[in-house]
Protein backbone atom coordinates (compact mmCIF):
# COMPACT_ATOMS: atom_id res chain seq x y z
CA UNK A 1 45.15 48.13 0.50
CA UNK A 2 48.62 49.35 1.38
CA UNK A 3 50.86 48.29 4.23
CA UNK A 4 52.22 50.76 6.76
CA UNK A 5 54.92 50.25 9.36
CA UNK A 6 54.36 51.85 12.75
CA UNK A 7 57.60 52.20 14.73
CA UNK A 8 57.29 52.73 18.48
CA UNK A 9 59.75 54.92 20.37
CA UNK A 10 59.99 56.15 23.96
CA UNK A 11 57.65 55.13 26.74
CA UNK A 12 60.48 55.00 29.25
CA UNK A 13 58.13 55.93 32.10
CA UNK A 14 56.89 52.34 32.08
CA UNK A 15 60.26 51.24 33.46
CA UNK A 16 59.08 52.58 36.83
CA UNK A 17 55.69 50.85 36.67
CA UNK A 18 54.53 48.48 39.35
CA UNK A 19 53.74 44.97 38.11
CA UNK A 20 50.02 45.82 38.26
CA UNK A 21 50.47 49.04 36.28
CA UNK A 22 52.53 47.17 33.68
CA UNK A 23 49.86 44.50 33.35
CA UNK A 24 47.17 47.15 32.81
CA UNK A 25 49.32 48.92 30.23
CA UNK A 26 49.99 45.68 28.34
CA UNK A 27 46.26 44.92 28.35
CA UNK A 28 45.68 48.23 26.53
CA UNK A 29 48.20 47.13 23.89
CA UNK A 30 46.43 43.76 23.54
CA UNK A 31 43.02 45.44 23.20
CA UNK A 32 44.33 47.92 20.62
CA UNK A 33 45.89 45.19 18.47
CA UNK A 34 42.89 42.88 18.91
CA UNK A 35 40.56 45.59 17.63
CA UNK A 36 42.80 46.16 14.61
CA UNK A 37 42.68 42.41 13.97
CA UNK A 38 38.87 42.36 14.10
CA UNK A 39 38.87 45.16 11.51
CA UNK A 40 41.25 43.22 9.24
CA UNK A 41 43.92 45.91 9.60
CA UNK A 42 46.49 44.04 11.71
CA UNK A 43 49.27 42.32 9.75
CA UNK A 44 51.77 41.66 12.57
CA UNK A 45 53.73 43.19 15.45
CA UNK A 46 56.68 42.40 17.68
CA UNK A 47 58.63 44.10 20.46
CA UNK A 48 62.36 44.60 19.96
CA UNK A 49 65.02 43.88 22.56
CA UNK A 50 67.13 46.84 23.64
CA UNK A 51 70.47 45.47 22.45
CA UNK A 52 71.71 44.85 18.96
CA UNK A 53 74.61 45.18 16.57
CA UNK A 54 75.23 47.46 13.62
CA UNK A 55 77.04 46.58 10.37
CA UNK A 56 78.45 49.65 8.58
CA UNK A 57 80.13 50.52 5.34
CA UNK A 58 81.91 48.68 2.57
CA UNK A 59 84.27 47.08 5.11
CA UNK A 60 81.22 45.65 6.94
CA UNK A 61 82.47 46.70 10.36
CA UNK A 62 80.31 45.25 13.15
CA UNK A 63 79.83 47.25 16.35
CA UNK A 64 77.60 47.07 19.39
CA UNK A 65 74.57 49.29 19.25
CA UNK A 66 72.40 50.99 18.51
CA UNK A 67 73.25 53.55 21.17
CA UNK A 68 70.91 56.50 21.39
CA UNK A 69 68.80 58.38 23.88
CA UNK A 70 66.00 56.35 25.41
CA UNK A 71 63.30 58.42 23.70
CA UNK A 72 64.86 57.54 20.34
CA UNK A 73 65.20 53.81 21.07
CA UNK A 74 63.09 51.69 18.79
CA UNK A 75 60.95 49.51 21.06
CA UNK A 76 58.85 47.61 18.56
CA UNK A 77 56.78 47.75 15.44
CA UNK A 78 53.36 46.98 13.98
CA UNK A 79 52.38 46.44 10.37
CA UNK A 80 48.87 47.48 9.40
CA UNK A 81 46.92 47.16 6.16
CA UNK A 82 44.83 50.21 5.34
CA UNK A 83 43.81 52.30 2.34
CA UNK A 84 45.90 55.43 2.93
CA UNK A 85 48.28 57.41 5.16
CA UNK A 86 45.44 59.19 6.97
CA UNK A 87 43.98 55.88 8.10
CA UNK A 88 47.42 54.69 9.26
CA UNK A 89 47.87 57.94 11.19
CA UNK A 90 44.49 57.48 12.86
CA UNK A 91 45.60 54.02 13.99
CA UNK A 92 48.87 55.48 15.30
CA UNK A 93 46.98 58.11 17.31
CA UNK A 94 45.33 55.33 19.35
CA UNK A 95 48.64 53.61 20.19
CA UNK A 96 49.19 53.05 23.94
CA UNK A 97 52.80 54.34 23.68
CA UNK A 98 51.31 57.82 23.40
CA UNK A 99 50.17 57.62 27.02
CA UNK A 100 53.75 58.61 27.83
CA UNK A 101 55.21 62.07 27.43
CA UNK A 102 58.16 60.73 25.42
CA UNK A 103 56.09 58.20 23.45
CA UNK A 104 56.14 58.48 19.66
CA UNK A 105 54.87 56.50 16.68
CA UNK A 106 56.62 56.89 13.33
CA UNK A 107 54.38 55.92 10.40
CA UNK A 108 55.99 54.76 7.15
CA UNK A 109 54.38 53.34 4.04
CA UNK A 110 55.93 50.02 2.99
CA UNK A 111 56.88 50.27 -0.65
CA UNK A 112 56.96 47.52 -3.24
CA UNK A 113 60.27 45.89 -4.12
CA UNK A 114 61.01 46.37 -7.81
CA UNK A 115 63.50 44.01 -9.35
């Protein structure tokens, strides 16, 4: 099995959700991840806070960020263990972030570190 990283972007419509709507939306996330766990495909997931810092270049300059449009903001990630890209893409297609017009899931295979 290979590991794939699913990166979640967008979903800004949820910022206007009522508490009840937010609870229902989060339950869909929990159900989605629970089902992946039952299938042995869930390896981990976490949300990311909206603020951070960036270290750049040889001089290691630290700045506030990342600053980007809301639809590009990285909101969280999930690692899944599946046989191939197509299976990872099928998992991504069921992600609750896609309920939103600006929701997106980037799928990347996690490579092996060679030393």
